[in-house]
Amino acid sequence: MLRITEIRTENALRCVTDRRHPSFRFSLESDREGAALVRAIVRVNGWETETTEQTGVVYGGEKLQPFTEYAVSVEAWDTFGEHAAAEGS
């Protein structure tokens, strides 16, 4: 089973930053040996992007307000077709 174990914004567990275009990262775990990320969708504040990276996903939507909390969601798929979804704040 694939699962998202952590979502971080600029190395913080909550999406509160003073950057208007922060970067995001997430961690995955799988009980299947050799599983690797194939595709992920990161969503924040009405913006979304598709990526094959787990780190350095730079927000490209409208400028975020400093020190305001936003919900971040991630959906991911691995090489075995497993799907995981999680939301962080």
N, C-alpha and C. Protein backbone atom coordinates (compact mmCIF):
# COMPACT_ATOMS: atom_id res chain seq x y z
N MET A 1 0.84 -1.18 0.00
CA MET A 1 0.00 0.00 0.00
C MET A 1 0.89 1.24 0.00
N LEU A 2 0.55 2.20 -0.83
CA LEU A 2 1.26 3.46 -0.92
C LEU A 2 0.60 4.46 0.02
N ARG A 3 1.42 5.24 0.74
CA ARG A 3 0.84 6.30 1.58
C ARG A 3 1.78 7.49 1.64
N ILE A 4 1.18 8.65 1.80
CA ILE A 4 1.91 9.91 1.96
C ILE A 4 2.09 10.11 3.46
N THR A 5 3.33 10.17 3.90
CA THR A 5 3.60 10.24 5.33
C THR A 5 3.84 11.66 5.83
N GLU A 6 4.14 12.57 4.91
CA GLU A 6 4.46 13.93 5.35
C GLU A 6 4.35 14.89 4.18
N ILE A 7 3.81 16.08 4.45
CA ILE A 7 3.79 17.17 3.47
C ILE A 7 4.42 18.37 4.16
N ARG A 8 5.40 18.99 3.50
CA ARG A 8 6.08 20.14 4.11
C ARG A 8 6.07 21.33 3.16
N THR A 9 5.98 22.51 3.74
CA THR A 9 6.08 23.77 3.03
C THR A 9 7.30 24.48 3.56
N GLU A 10 8.29 24.72 2.68
CA GLU A 10 9.52 25.37 3.12
C GLU A 10 10.05 24.72 4.40
N ASN A 11 10.03 23.41 4.46
CA ASN A 11 10.52 22.61 5.59
C ASN A 11 9.65 22.67 6.84
N ALA A 12 8.50 23.29 6.79
CA ALA A 12 7.57 23.33 7.93
C ALA A 12 6.42 22.37 7.67
N LEU A 13 5.86 21.81 8.73
CA LEU A 13 4.74 20.88 8.57
C LEU A 13 3.43 21.57 8.23
N ARG A 14 3.32 22.85 8.54
CA ARG A 14 2.11 23.60 8.20
C ARG A 14 2.40 24.53 7.04
N CYS A 15 1.41 24.80 6.21
CA CYS A 15 1.58 25.70 5.08
C CYS A 15 1.38 27.14 5.54
N VAL A 16 2.36 27.63 6.28
CA VAL A 16 2.39 29.02 6.70
C VAL A 16 3.80 29.49 6.38
N THR A 17 3.93 30.48 5.52
CA THR A 17 5.24 30.93 5.08
C THR A 17 5.21 32.42 4.82
N ASP A 18 6.37 33.05 4.77
CA ASP A 18 6.43 34.45 4.40
C ASP A 18 6.78 34.61 2.92
N ARG A 19 6.88 33.49 2.21
CA ARG A 19 7.18 33.53 0.78
C ARG A 19 5.88 33.50 -0.02
N ARG A 20 5.84 34.29 -1.04
CA ARG A 20 4.63 34.34 -1.87
C ARG A 20 4.57 33.17 -2.85
N HIS A 21 5.71 32.53 -3.11
CA HIS A 21 5.78 31.36 -3.98
C HIS A 21 6.67 30.31 -3.31
N PRO A 22 6.16 29.67 -2.25
CA PRO A 22 6.96 28.70 -1.50
C PRO A 22 7.15 27.39 -2.29
N SER A 23 8.03 26.56 -1.78
CA SER A 23 8.20 25.24 -2.37
C SER A 23 7.67 24.19 -1.39
N PHE A 24 7.27 23.06 -1.96
CA PHE A 24 6.67 21.98 -1.19
C PHE A 24 7.45 20.70 -1.40
N ARG A 25 7.35 19.80 -0.42
CA ARG A 25 7.89 18.46 -0.57
C ARG A 25 7.00 17.50 0.19
N PHE A 26 7.05 16.23 -0.21
CA PHE A 26 6.26 15.22 0.48
C PHE A 26 7.03 13.92 0.51
N SER A 27 6.69 13.08 1.48
CA SER A 27 7.34 11.78 1.65
C SER A 27 6.34 10.67 1.39
N LEU A 28 6.82 9.61 0.77
CA LEU A 28 6.00 8.45 0.46
C LEU A 28 6.56 7.21 1.14
N GLU A 29 5.67 6.27 1.45
CA GLU A 29 6.04 4.96 1.97
C GLU A 29 5.21 3.93 1.22
N SER A 30 5.84 2.79 0.97
CA SER A 30 5.12 1.69 0.33
C SER A 30 5.56 0.38 0.96
N ASP A 31 4.66 -0.56 1.02
CA ASP A 31 5.03 -1.88 1.51
C ASP A 31 5.51 -2.78 0.37
N ARG A 32 5.59 -2.23 -0.84
CA ARG A 32 6.06 -2.99 -2.00
C ARG A 32 7.49 -2.55 -2.34
N GLU A 33 8.40 -3.49 -2.33
CA GLU A 33 9.79 -3.20 -2.65
C GLU A 33 9.92 -2.71 -4.09
N GLY A 34 10.70 -1.67 -4.29
CA GLY A 34 10.92 -1.14 -5.62
C GLY A 34 9.90 -0.11 -6.06
N ALA A 35 8.93 0.20 -5.21
CA ALA A 35 7.93 1.21 -5.58
C ALA A 35 8.60 2.57 -5.69
N ALA A 36 8.22 3.31 -6.71
CA ALA A 36 8.76 4.65 -6.92
C ALA A 36 7.66 5.56 -7.44
N LEU A 37 7.79 6.83 -7.16
CA LEU A 37 6.81 7.81 -7.63
C LEU A 37 6.82 7.89 -9.14
N VAL A 38 5.63 7.84 -9.73
CA VAL A 38 5.47 7.99 -11.17
C VAL A 38 4.88 9.37 -11.47
N ARG A 39 3.94 9.79 -10.62
CA ARG A 39 3.22 11.03 -10.89
C ARG A 39 2.58 11.51 -9.60
N ALA A 40 2.55 12.82 -9.43
CA ALA A 40 1.86 13.40 -8.27
C ALA A 40 1.20 14.71 -8.69
N ILE A 41 0.13 15.03 -7.99
CA ILE A 41 -0.55 16.31 -8.19
C ILE A 41 -0.53 17.03 -6.84
N VAL A 42 -0.01 18.25 -6.84
CA VAL A 42 0.03 19.09 -5.64
C VAL A 42 -0.96 20.22 -5.85
N ARG A 43 -1.83 20.45 -4.85
CA ARG A 43 -2.85 21.51 -4.93
C ARG A 43 -2.74 22.44 -3.73
N VAL A 44 -2.79 23.75 -4.02
CA VAL A 44 -2.76 24.78 -2.97
C VAL A 44 -3.54 25.98 -3.47
N ASN A 45 -4.50 26.46 -2.67
CA ASN A 45 -5.17 27.72 -2.96
C ASN A 45 -5.74 27.82 -4.37
N GLY A 46 -6.34 26.73 -4.88
CA GLY A 46 -6.92 26.75 -6.22
C GLY A 46 -5.93 26.48 -7.33
N TRP A 47 -4.66 26.40 -7.03
CA TRP A 47 -3.60 26.10 -8.00
C TRP A 47 -3.25 24.63 -7.92
N GLU A 48 -2.88 24.03 -9.02
CA GLU A 48 -2.41 22.65 -8.98
C GLU A 48 -1.34 22.46 -10.04
N THR A 49 -0.46 21.50 -9.77
CA THR A 49 0.57 21.15 -10.73
C THR A 49 0.80 19.65 -10.68
N GLU A 50 1.17 19.10 -11.80
CA GLU A 50 1.54 17.69 -11.87
C GLU A 50 3.06 17.62 -11.88
N THR A 51 3.62 16.67 -11.14
CA THR A 51 5.06 16.56 -11.02
C THR A 51 5.48 15.11 -10.89
N THR A 52 6.74 14.86 -11.15
CA THR A 52 7.34 13.56 -10.89
C THR A 52 8.37 13.67 -9.76
N GLU A 53 8.43 14.83 -9.14
CA GLU A 53 9.38 15.10 -8.05
C GLU A 53 8.66 15.13 -6.71
N GLN A 54 9.37 14.75 -5.66
CA GLN A 54 8.84 14.82 -4.30
C GLN A 54 9.37 16.04 -3.55
N THR A 55 10.38 16.69 -4.07
CA THR A 55 10.96 17.86 -3.42
C THR A 55 11.06 19.01 -4.42
N GLY A 56 11.11 20.21 -3.87
CA GLY A 56 11.31 21.38 -4.72
C GLY A 56 10.16 21.70 -5.65
N VAL A 57 8.94 21.35 -5.27
CA VAL A 57 7.76 21.67 -6.08
C VAL A 57 7.38 23.11 -5.76
N VAL A 58 7.68 24.02 -6.66
CA VAL A 58 7.48 25.46 -6.42
C VAL A 58 6.07 25.87 -6.79
N TYR A 59 5.42 26.56 -5.85
CA TYR A 59 4.07 27.08 -6.05
C TYR A 59 4.07 28.09 -7.18
N GLY A 60 3.13 27.95 -8.12
CA GLY A 60 3.09 28.83 -9.27
C GLY A 60 1.77 29.58 -9.41
N GLY A 61 0.98 29.62 -8.37
CA GLY A 61 -0.32 30.30 -8.43
C GLY A 61 -0.22 31.76 -8.01
N GLU A 62 -1.39 32.34 -7.74
CA GLU A 62 -1.42 33.74 -7.28
C GLU A 62 -0.61 33.85 -5.99
N LYS A 63 0.02 34.98 -5.80
CA LYS A 63 0.86 35.18 -4.62
C LYS A 63 0.08 34.88 -3.34
N LEU A 64 0.71 34.11 -2.47
CA LEU A 64 0.10 33.79 -1.18
C LEU A 64 0.33 34.94 -0.20
N GLN A 65 -0.58 35.11 0.72
CA GLN A 65 -0.45 36.15 1.74
C GLN A 65 0.52 35.66 2.82
N PRO A 66 1.44 36.51 3.24
CA PRO A 66 2.40 36.09 4.27
C PRO A 66 1.71 35.68 5.56
N PHE A 67 2.24 34.63 6.18
CA PHE A 67 1.81 34.15 7.50
C PHE A 67 0.31 33.82 7.56
N THR A 68 -0.21 33.33 6.43
CA THR A 68 -1.59 32.87 6.34
C THR A 68 -1.55 31.37 6.10
N GLU A 69 -2.41 30.62 6.77
CA GLU A 69 -2.39 29.17 6.63
C GLU A 69 -3.23 28.74 5.42
N TYR A 70 -2.67 27.86 4.61
CA TYR A 70 -3.34 27.33 3.43
C TYR A 70 -3.35 25.81 3.50
N ALA A 71 -4.37 25.20 2.93
CA ALA A 71 -4.43 23.74 2.84
C ALA A 71 -3.63 23.30 1.61
N VAL A 72 -2.85 22.24 1.79
CA VAL A 72 -2.06 21.65 0.70
C VAL A 72 -2.51 20.21 0.57
N SER A 73 -2.81 19.78 -0.65
CA SER A 73 -3.14 18.37 -0.84
C SER A 73 -2.23 17.77 -1.90
N VAL A 74 -1.97 16.49 -1.72
CA VAL A 74 -1.11 15.75 -2.64
C VAL A 74 -1.79 14.44 -2.98
N GLU A 75 -1.79 14.11 -4.26
CA GLU A 75 -2.20 12.79 -4.73
C GLU A 75 -0.98 12.21 -5.43
N ALA A 76 -0.69 10.94 -5.21
CA ALA A 76 0.48 10.32 -5.81
C ALA A 76 0.16 8.93 -6.34
N TRP A 77 0.89 8.52 -7.39
CA TRP A 77 0.77 7.20 -7.98
C TRP A 77 2.17 6.63 -8.11
N ASP A 78 2.30 5.32 -7.87
CA ASP A 78 3.61 4.70 -7.95
C ASP A 78 3.71 3.75 -9.15
N THR A 79 4.86 3.11 -9.28
CA THR A 79 5.13 2.23 -10.41
C THR A 79 4.23 1.00 -10.45
N PHE A 80 3.56 0.68 -9.34
CA PHE A 80 2.64 -0.45 -9.29
C PHE A 80 1.19 -0.02 -9.50
N GLY A 81 0.96 1.26 -9.77
CA GLY A 81 -0.40 1.77 -9.97
C GLY A 81 -1.12 2.09 -8.68
N GLU A 82 -0.42 1.98 -7.55
CA GLU A 82 -1.03 2.32 -6.25
C GLU A 82 -1.24 3.83 -6.18
N HIS A 83 -2.28 4.23 -5.48
CA HIS A 83 -2.65 5.65 -5.34
C HIS A 83 -2.72 6.01 -3.86
N ALA A 84 -2.26 7.21 -3.54
CA ALA A 84 -2.37 7.73 -2.17
C ALA A 84 -2.75 9.20 -2.25
N ALA A 85 -3.47 9.67 -1.24
CA ALA A 85 -3.85 11.08 -1.16
C ALA A 85 -3.76 11.52 0.28
N ALA A 86 -3.37 12.78 0.46
CA ALA A 86 -3.28 13.34 1.81
C ALA A 86 -3.43 14.85 1.73
N GLU A 87 -3.86 15.42 2.85
CA GLU A 87 -3.98 16.87 2.93
C GLU A 87 -3.24 17.33 4.17
N GLY A 88 -2.55 18.41 4.03
CA GLY A 88 -1.87 19.03 5.15
C GLY A 88 -2.30 20.48 5.24
N SER A 89 -1.98 21.11 6.34
CA SER A 89 -2.31 22.54 6.45
C SER A 89 -1.07 23.31 6.76
